[in-house]
Amino acid sequence: MMRSQKRFAKRERAVAKNCQFCNTKTEPDYKDAVLLERFLTERGKILGRTRTGICSTHQRTLTQAIKRARHVALLPFIVQS
């Protein structure tokens, strides 16, 4: 009985749903490599919405900005350790 209750329990969010770009009324820009690095893992992967707390609209534009920054060589494709 306890097991079924645990299975359907709601999990807490890792990050609050406060989109940084909506709050400041800005858009992600591919030229701002320092800002874009905050949304990458140490291996260079793009973090998801659940980890960053960004809305879906800005997550899509952020992804495009990161990919553009990679092509212009402002961000690495893969970080090798």
PDB file of N, CA and C in Angstrom:
ATOM      1  N   MET A   1       0.819  -1.180   0.000  1.00  0.00           N
ATOM      2  CA  MET A   1       0.000   0.000   0.000  1.00  0.00           C
ATOM      3  C   MET A   1       0.872   1.257   0.000  1.00  0.00           C
ATOM      4  N   MET A   2       1.890   1.255   0.795  1.00  0.00           N
ATOM      5  CA  MET A   2       2.781   2.402   0.867  1.00  0.00           C
ATOM      6  C   MET A   2       3.521   2.590  -0.449  1.00  0.00           C
ATOM      7  N   ARG A   3       3.770   1.489  -1.127  1.00  0.00           N
ATOM      8  CA  ARG A   3       4.512   1.541  -2.365  1.00  0.00           C
ATOM      9  C   ARG A   3       3.745   2.299  -3.454  1.00  0.00           C
ATOM     10  N   SER A   4       2.439   2.077  -3.577  1.00  0.00           N
ATOM     11  CA  SER A   4       1.664   2.745  -4.610  1.00  0.00           C
ATOM     12  C   SER A   4       1.540   4.239  -4.338  1.00  0.00           C
ATOM     13  N   GLN A   5       1.510   4.637  -3.096  1.00  0.00           N
ATOM     14  CA  GLN A   5       1.429   6.057  -2.774  1.00  0.00           C
ATOM     15  C   GLN A   5       2.737   6.754  -3.150  1.00  0.00           C
ATOM     16  N   LYS A   6       3.831   6.081  -2.942  1.00  0.00           N
ATOM     17  CA  LYS A   6       5.134   6.656  -3.262  1.00  0.00           C
ATOM     18  C   LYS A   6       5.304   6.819  -4.768  1.00  0.00           C
ATOM     19  N   ARG A   7       4.731   5.896  -5.517  1.00  0.00           N
ATOM     20  CA  ARG A   7       4.880   5.914  -6.963  1.00  0.00           C
ATOM     21  C   ARG A   7       4.172   7.115  -7.592  1.00  0.00           C
ATOM     22  N   PHE A   8       3.045   7.516  -7.029  1.00  0.00           N
ATOM     23  CA  PHE A   8       2.270   8.607  -7.595  1.00  0.00           C
ATOM     24  C   PHE A   8       2.517   9.942  -6.904  1.00  0.00           C
ATOM     25  N   ALA A   9       3.453   9.978  -5.993  1.00  0.00           N
ATOM     26  CA  ALA A   9       3.753  11.230  -5.295  1.00  0.00           C
ATOM     27  C   ALA A   9       4.404  12.213  -6.260  1.00  0.00           C
ATOM     28  N   LYS A  10       4.057  13.480  -6.103  1.00  0.00           N
ATOM     29  CA  LYS A  10       4.638  14.502  -6.970  1.00  0.00           C
ATOM     30  C   LYS A  10       6.066  14.778  -6.561  1.00  0.00           C
ATOM     31  N   ARG A  11       6.929  14.905  -7.561  1.00  0.00           N
ATOM     32  CA  ARG A  11       8.319  15.242  -7.289  1.00  0.00           C
ATOM     33  C   ARG A  11       8.467  16.741  -7.254  1.00  0.00           C
ATOM     34  N   GLU A  12       9.396  17.206  -6.449  1.00  0.00           N
ATOM     35  CA  GLU A  12       9.678  18.626  -6.378  1.00  0.00           C
ATOM     36  C   GLU A  12      10.493  19.038  -7.598  1.00  0.00           C
ATOM     37  N   ARG A  13      10.282  20.246  -8.066  1.00  0.00           N
ATOM     38  CA  ARG A  13      11.063  20.767  -9.190  1.00  0.00           C
ATOM     39  C   ARG A  13      12.472  21.081  -8.728  1.00  0.00           C
ATOM     40  N   ALA A  14      13.430  20.821  -9.593  1.00  0.00           N
ATOM     41  CA  ALA A  14      14.818  21.124  -9.262  1.00  0.00           C
ATOM     42  C   ALA A  14      15.049  22.638  -9.265  1.00  0.00           C
ATOM     43  N   VAL A  15      14.389  23.332 -10.202  1.00  0.00           N
ATOM     44  CA  VAL A  15      14.547  24.773 -10.341  1.00  0.00           C
ATOM     45  C   VAL A  15      13.157  25.383 -10.445  1.00  0.00           C
ATOM     46  N   ALA A  16      12.962  26.538  -9.864  1.00  0.00           N
ATOM     47  CA  ALA A  16      11.676  27.211  -9.964  1.00  0.00           C
ATOM     48  C   ALA A  16      11.427  27.640 -11.408  1.00  0.00           C
ATOM     49  N   LYS A  17      10.154  27.729 -11.782  1.00  0.00           N
ATOM     50  CA  LYS A  17       9.800  28.111 -13.142  1.00  0.00           C
ATOM     51  C   LYS A  17       9.803  29.631 -13.269  1.00  0.00           C
ATOM     52  N   ASN A  18      10.969  30.218 -13.331  1.00  0.00           N
ATOM     53  CA  ASN A  18      11.127  31.648 -13.550  1.00  0.00           C
ATOM     54  C   ASN A  18      12.064  31.823 -14.721  1.00  0.00           C
ATOM     55  N   CYS A  19      11.487  32.142 -15.866  1.00  0.00           N
ATOM     56  CA  CYS A  19      12.311  32.308 -17.065  1.00  0.00           C
ATOM     57  C   CYS A  19      13.128  33.586 -16.930  1.00  0.00           C
ATOM     58  N   GLN A  20      14.431  33.438 -16.997  1.00  0.00           N
ATOM     59  CA  GLN A  20      15.342  34.569 -16.864  1.00  0.00           C
ATOM     60  C   GLN A  20      15.133  35.576 -17.990  1.00  0.00           C
ATOM     61  N   PHE A  21      14.835  35.092 -19.186  1.00  0.00           N
ATOM     62  CA  PHE A  21      14.678  35.977 -20.333  1.00  0.00           C
ATOM     63  C   PHE A  21      13.331  36.694 -20.298  1.00  0.00           C
ATOM     64  N   CYS A  22      12.298  36.048 -19.787  1.00  0.00           N
ATOM     65  CA  CYS A  22      10.997  36.716 -19.649  1.00  0.00           C
ATOM     66  C   CYS A  22      11.065  37.789 -18.564  1.00  0.00           C
ATOM     67  N   ASN A  23      11.759  37.516 -17.472  1.00  0.00           N
ATOM     68  CA  ASN A  23      11.850  38.479 -16.372  1.00  0.00           C
ATOM     69  C   ASN A  23      12.603  39.735 -16.783  1.00  0.00           C
ATOM     70  N   THR A  24      13.672  39.585 -17.556  1.00  0.00           N
ATOM     71  CA  THR A  24      14.470  40.746 -17.959  1.00  0.00           C
ATOM     72  C   THR A  24      14.038  41.302 -19.318  1.00  0.00           C
ATOM     73  N   LYS A  25      13.074  40.638 -19.976  1.00  0.00           N
ATOM     74  CA  LYS A  25      12.562  41.038 -21.293  1.00  0.00           C
ATOM     75  C   LYS A  25      13.688  41.148 -22.321  1.00  0.00           C
ATOM     76  N   THR A  26      14.534  40.116 -22.350  1.00  0.00           N
ATOM     77  CA  THR A  26      15.623  40.041 -23.319  1.00  0.00           C
ATOM     78  C   THR A  26      15.489  38.746 -24.103  1.00  0.00           C
ATOM     79  N   GLU A  27      16.307  38.613 -25.117  1.00  0.00           N
ATOM     80  CA  GLU A  27      16.350  37.401 -25.928  1.00  0.00           C
ATOM     81  C   GLU A  27      17.762  36.834 -25.883  1.00  0.00           C
ATOM     82  N   PRO A  28      17.921  35.508 -25.966  1.00  0.00           N
ATOM     83  CA  PRO A  28      19.263  34.926 -26.021  1.00  0.00           C
ATOM     84  C   PRO A  28      19.970  35.342 -27.305  1.00  0.00           C
ATOM     85  N   ASP A  29      21.241  35.745 -27.186  1.00  0.00           N
ATOM     86  CA  ASP A  29      22.012  36.185 -28.334  1.00  0.00           C
ATOM     87  C   ASP A  29      23.241  35.289 -28.471  1.00  0.00           C
ATOM     88  N   TYR A  30      23.534  34.881 -29.694  1.00  0.00           N
ATOM     89  CA  TYR A  30      24.648  33.954 -29.901  1.00  0.00           C
ATOM     90  C   TYR A  30      25.998  34.589 -29.607  1.00  0.00           C
ATOM     91  N   LYS A  31      26.074  35.919 -29.601  1.00  0.00           N
ATOM     92  CA  LYS A  31      27.353  36.596 -29.368  1.00  0.00           C
ATOM     93  C   LYS A  31      27.716  36.666 -27.886  1.00  0.00           C
ATOM     94  N   ASP A  32      26.763  36.424 -27.010  1.00  0.00           N
ATOM     95  CA  ASP A  32      27.002  36.483 -25.570  1.00  0.00           C
ATOM     96  C   ASP A  32      27.372  35.080 -25.070  1.00  0.00           C
ATOM     97  N   ALA A  33      28.627  34.694 -25.288  1.00  0.00           N
ATOM     98  CA  ALA A  33      29.075  33.332 -24.976  1.00  0.00           C
ATOM     99  C   ALA A  33      29.084  33.068 -23.475  1.00  0.00           C
ATOM    100  N   VAL A  34      29.329  34.095 -22.666  1.00  0.00           N
ATOM    101  CA  VAL A  34      29.372  33.911 -21.210  1.00  0.00           C
ATOM    102  C   VAL A  34      27.987  33.519 -20.689  1.00  0.00           C
ATOM    103  N   LEU A  35      26.950  34.163 -21.212  1.00  0.00           N
ATOM    104  CA  LEU A  35      25.583  33.833 -20.800  1.00  0.00           C
ATOM    105  C   LEU A  35      25.199  32.440 -21.269  1.00  0.00           C
ATOM    106  N   LEU A  36      25.570  32.100 -22.505  1.00  0.00           N
ATOM    107  CA  LEU A  36      25.188  30.801 -23.068  1.00  0.00           C
ATOM    108  C   LEU A  36      25.880  29.644 -22.362  1.00  0.00           C
ATOM    109  N   GLU A  37      27.090  29.869 -21.848  1.00  0.00           N
ATOM    110  CA  GLU A  37      27.813  28.801 -21.145  1.00  0.00           C
ATOM    111  C   GLU A  37      27.090  28.351 -19.884  1.00  0.00           C
ATOM    112  N   ARG A  38      26.280  29.217 -19.304  1.00  0.00           N
ATOM    113  CA  ARG A  38      25.549  28.840 -18.085  1.00  0.00           C
ATOM    114  C   ARG A  38      24.488  27.788 -18.356  1.00  0.00           C
ATOM    115  N   PHE A  39      24.078  27.634 -19.623  1.00  0.00           N
ATOM    116  CA  PHE A  39      23.045  26.676 -19.987  1.00  0.00           C
ATOM    117  C   PHE A  39      23.631  25.424 -20.615  1.00  0.00           C
ATOM    118  N   LEU A  40      24.938  25.204 -20.438  1.00  0.00           N
ATOM    119  CA  LEU A  40      25.614  24.009 -20.922  1.00  0.00           C
ATOM    120  C   LEU A  40      26.169  23.223 -19.745  1.00  0.00           C
ATOM    121  N   THR A  41      26.297  21.913 -19.914  1.00  0.00           N
ATOM    122  CA  THR A  41      26.947  21.091 -18.903  1.00  0.00           C
ATOM    123  C   THR A  41      28.450  21.244 -19.041  1.00  0.00           C
ATOM    124  N   GLU A  42      29.191  20.650 -18.126  1.00  0.00           N
ATOM    125  CA  GLU A  42      30.650  20.723 -18.215  1.00  0.00           C
ATOM    126  C   GLU A  42      31.172  19.963 -19.430  1.00  0.00           C
ATOM    127  N   ARG A  43      30.371  19.074 -20.006  1.00  0.00           N
ATOM    128  CA  ARG A  43      30.768  18.340 -21.211  1.00  0.00           C
ATOM    129  C   ARG A  43      30.328  19.042 -22.490  1.00  0.00           C
ATOM    130  N   GLY A  44      29.536  20.127 -22.368  1.00  0.00           N
ATOM    131  CA  GLY A  44      29.122  20.892 -23.533  1.00  0.00           C
ATOM    132  C   GLY A  44      27.721  20.602 -24.020  1.00  0.00           C
ATOM    133  N   LYS A  45      26.938  19.821 -23.264  1.00  0.00           N
ATOM    134  CA  LYS A  45      25.573  19.519 -23.670  1.00  0.00           C
ATOM    135  C   LYS A  45      24.629  20.633 -23.213  1.00  0.00           C
ATOM    136  N   ILE A  46      23.554  20.832 -23.961  1.00  0.00           N
ATOM    137  CA  ILE A  46      22.570  21.859 -23.624  1.00  0.00           C
ATOM    138  C   ILE A  46      21.663  21.313 -22.520  1.00  0.00           C
ATOM    139  N   LEU A  47      21.482  22.102 -21.458  1.00  0.00           N
ATOM    140  CA  LEU A  47      20.614  21.697 -20.362  1.00  0.00           C
ATOM    141  C   LEU A  47      19.148  21.850 -20.758  1.00  0.00           C
ATOM    142  N   GLY A  48      18.309  20.998 -20.200  1.00  0.00           N
ATOM    143  CA  GLY A  48      16.890  21.033 -20.501  1.00  0.00           C
ATOM    144  C   GLY A  48      16.139  22.081 -19.702  1.00  0.00           C
ATOM    145  N   ARG A  49      14.884  22.254 -20.048  1.00  0.00           N
ATOM    146  CA  ARG A  49      14.040  23.249 -19.391  1.00  0.00           C
ATOM    147  C   ARG A  49      13.834  22.968 -17.912  1.00  0.00           C
ATOM    148  N   THR A  50      13.772  21.703 -17.549  1.00  0.00           N
ATOM    149  CA  THR A  50      13.538  21.363 -16.144  1.00  0.00           C
ATOM    150  C   THR A  50      14.719  21.735 -15.273  1.00  0.00           C
ATOM    151  N   ARG A  51      15.901  21.748 -15.852  1.00  0.00           N
ATOM    152  CA  ARG A  51      17.103  22.104 -15.078  1.00  0.00           C
ATOM    153  C   ARG A  51      17.345  23.604 -15.040  1.00  0.00           C
ATOM    154  N   THR A  52      16.942  24.321 -16.110  1.00  0.00           N
ATOM    155  CA  THR A  52      17.238  25.742 -16.196  1.00  0.00           C
ATOM    156  C   THR A  52      16.079  26.625 -15.765  1.00  0.00           C
ATOM    157  N   GLY A  53      14.839  26.157 -15.894  1.00  0.00           N
ATOM    158  CA  GLY A  53      13.679  26.957 -15.524  1.00  0.00           C
ATOM    159  C   GLY A  53      13.274  27.958 -16.590  1.00  0.00           C
ATOM    160  N   ILE A  54      13.697  27.750 -17.820  1.00  0.00           N
ATOM    161  CA  ILE A  54      13.375  28.661 -18.917  1.00  0.00           C
ATOM    162  C   ILE A  54      12.091  28.186 -19.607  1.00  0.00           C
ATOM    163  N   CYS A  55      11.297  29.138 -20.101  1.00  0.00           N
ATOM    164  CA  CYS A  55      10.057  28.784 -20.793  1.00  0.00           C
ATOM    165  C   CYS A  55      10.387  28.132 -22.141  1.00  0.00           C
ATOM    166  N   SER A  56       9.399  27.495 -22.738  1.00  0.00           N
ATOM    167  CA  SER A  56       9.642  26.731 -23.965  1.00  0.00           C
ATOM    168  C   SER A  56      10.028  27.624 -25.138  1.00  0.00           C
ATOM    169  N   THR A  57       9.453  28.816 -25.212  1.00  0.00           N
ATOM    170  CA  THR A  57       9.788  29.724 -26.305  1.00  0.00           C
ATOM    171  C   THR A  57      11.252  30.131 -26.252  1.00  0.00           C
ATOM    172  N   HIS A  58      11.705  30.525 -25.071  1.00  0.00           N
ATOM    173  CA  HIS A  58      13.090  30.949 -24.938  1.00  0.00           C
ATOM    174  C   HIS A  58      14.056  29.763 -24.969  1.00  0.00           C
ATOM    175  N   GLN A  59      13.600  28.585 -24.587  1.00  0.00           N
ATOM    176  CA  GLN A  59      14.462  27.404 -24.683  1.00  0.00           C
ATOM    177  C   GLN A  59      14.791  27.116 -26.142  1.00  0.00           C
ATOM    178  N   ARG A  60      13.801  27.278 -27.018  1.00  0.00           N
ATOM    179  CA  ARG A  60      14.040  27.049 -28.446  1.00  0.00           C
ATOM    180  C   ARG A  60      15.000  28.085 -29.018  1.00  0.00           C
ATOM    181  N   THR A  61      14.809  29.349 -28.650  1.00  0.00           N
ATOM    182  CA  THR A  61      15.717  30.382 -29.160  1.00  0.00           C
ATOM    183  C   THR A  61      17.106  30.239 -28.549  1.00  0.00           C
ATOM    184  N   LEU A  62      17.169  29.795 -27.294  1.00  0.00           N
ATOM    185  CA  LEU A  62      18.459  29.558 -26.645  1.00  0.00           C
ATOM    186  C   LEU A  62      19.218  28.441 -27.360  1.00  0.00           C
ATOM    187  N   THR A  63      18.523  27.380 -27.724  1.00  0.00           N
ATOM    188  CA  THR A  63      19.148  26.271 -28.437  1.00  0.00           C
ATOM    189  C   THR A  63      19.725  26.740 -29.765  1.00  0.00           C
ATOM    190  N   GLN A  64      18.973  27.546 -30.498  1.00  0.00           N
ATOM    191  CA  GLN A  64      19.460  28.072 -31.770  1.00  0.00           C
ATOM    192  C   GLN A  64      20.665  28.984 -31.560  1.00  0.00           C
ATOM    193  N   ALA A  65      20.632  29.793 -30.508  1.00  0.00           N
ATOM    194  CA  ALA A  65      21.752  30.700 -30.221  1.00  0.00           C
ATOM    195  C   ALA A  65      23.009  29.907 -29.873  1.00  0.00           C
ATOM    196  N   ILE A  66      22.862  28.835 -29.104  1.00  0.00           N
ATOM    197  CA  ILE A  66      24.016  27.998 -28.743  1.00  0.00           C
ATOM    198  C   ILE A  66      24.599  27.340 -29.990  1.00  0.00           C
ATOM    199  N   LYS A  67      23.725  26.836 -30.862  1.00  0.00           N
ATOM    200  CA  LYS A  67      24.200  26.183 -32.081  1.00  0.00           C
ATOM    201  C   LYS A  67      24.902  27.175 -32.995  1.00  0.00           C
ATOM    202  N   ARG A  68      24.378  28.401 -33.083  1.00  0.00           N
ATOM    203  CA  ARG A  68      25.037  29.428 -33.892  1.00  0.00           C
ATOM    204  C   ARG A  68      26.396  29.795 -33.307  1.00  0.00           C
ATOM    205  N   ALA A  69      26.454  29.912 -31.983  1.00  0.00           N
ATOM    206  CA  ALA A  69      27.718  30.248 -31.332  1.00  0.00           C
ATOM    207  C   ALA A  69      28.750  29.146 -31.539  1.00  0.00           C
ATOM    208  N   ARG A  70      28.309  27.911 -31.623  1.00  0.00           N
ATOM    209  CA  ARG A  70      29.234  26.809 -31.894  1.00  0.00           C
ATOM    210  C   ARG A  70      29.787  26.901 -33.308  1.00  0.00           C
ATOM    211  N   HIS A  71      28.940  27.249 -34.273  1.00  0.00           N
ATOM    212  CA  HIS A  71      29.400  27.339 -35.659  1.00  0.00           C
ATOM    213  C   HIS A  71      30.353  28.508 -35.877  1.00  0.00           C
ATOM    214  N   VAL A  72      30.196  29.563 -35.089  1.00  0.00           N
ATOM    215  CA  VAL A  72      31.079  30.722 -35.215  1.00  0.00           C
ATOM    216  C   VAL A  72      32.302  30.548 -34.320  1.00  0.00           C
ATOM    217  N   ALA A  73      32.399  29.431 -33.632  1.00  0.00           N
ATOM    218  CA  ALA A  73      33.534  29.062 -32.775  1.00  0.00           C
ATOM    219  C   ALA A  73      33.623  29.904 -31.510  1.00  0.00           C
ATOM    220  N   LEU A  74      32.468  30.386 -31.016  1.00  0.00           N
ATOM    221  CA  LEU A  74      32.456  31.059 -29.716  1.00  0.00           C
ATOM    222  C   LEU A  74      32.283  30.049 -28.575  1.00  0.00           C
ATOM    223  N   LEU A  75      31.663  28.916 -28.881  1.00  0.00           N
ATOM    224  CA  LEU A  75      31.481  27.827 -27.917  1.00  0.00           C
ATOM    225  C   LEU A  75      31.998  26.534 -28.537  1.00  0.00           C
ATOM    226  N   PRO A  76      32.526  25.636 -27.715  1.00  0.00           N
ATOM    227  CA  PRO A  76      32.984  24.352 -28.279  1.00  0.00           C
ATOM    228  C   PRO A  76      31.817  23.387 -28.503  1.00  0.00           C
ATOM    229  N   PHE A  77      31.977  22.502 -29.475  1.00  0.00           N
ATOM    230  CA  PHE A  77      30.987  21.457 -29.689  1.00  0.00           C
ATOM    231  C   PHE A  77      31.080  20.417 -28.570  1.00  0.00           C
ATOM    232  N   ILE A  78      32.297  19.998 -28.264  1.00  0.00           N
ATOM    233  CA  ILE A  78      32.541  18.993 -27.220  1.00  0.00           C
ATOM    234  C   ILE A  78      33.695  19.475 -26.359  1.00  0.00           C
ATOM    235  N   VAL A  79      33.533  19.343 -25.040  1.00  0.00           N
ATOM    236  CA  VAL A  79      34.615  19.682 -24.123  1.00  0.00           C
ATOM    237  C   VAL A  79      35.311  18.376 -23.758  1.00  0.00           C
ATOM    238  N   GLN A  80      36.556  18.247 -24.120  1.00  0.00           N
ATOM    239  CA  GLN A  80      37.286  17.020 -23.825  1.00  0.00           C
ATOM    240  C   GLN A  80      38.033  17.158 -22.526  1.00  0.00           C
ATOM    241  N   SER A  81      37.962  16.118 -21.706  1.00  0.00           N
ATOM    242  CA  SER A  81      38.666  16.186 -20.425  1.00  0.00           C
ATOM    243  C   SER A  81      39.842  15.257 -20.365  1.00  0.00           C
TER     244      SER A  81
END
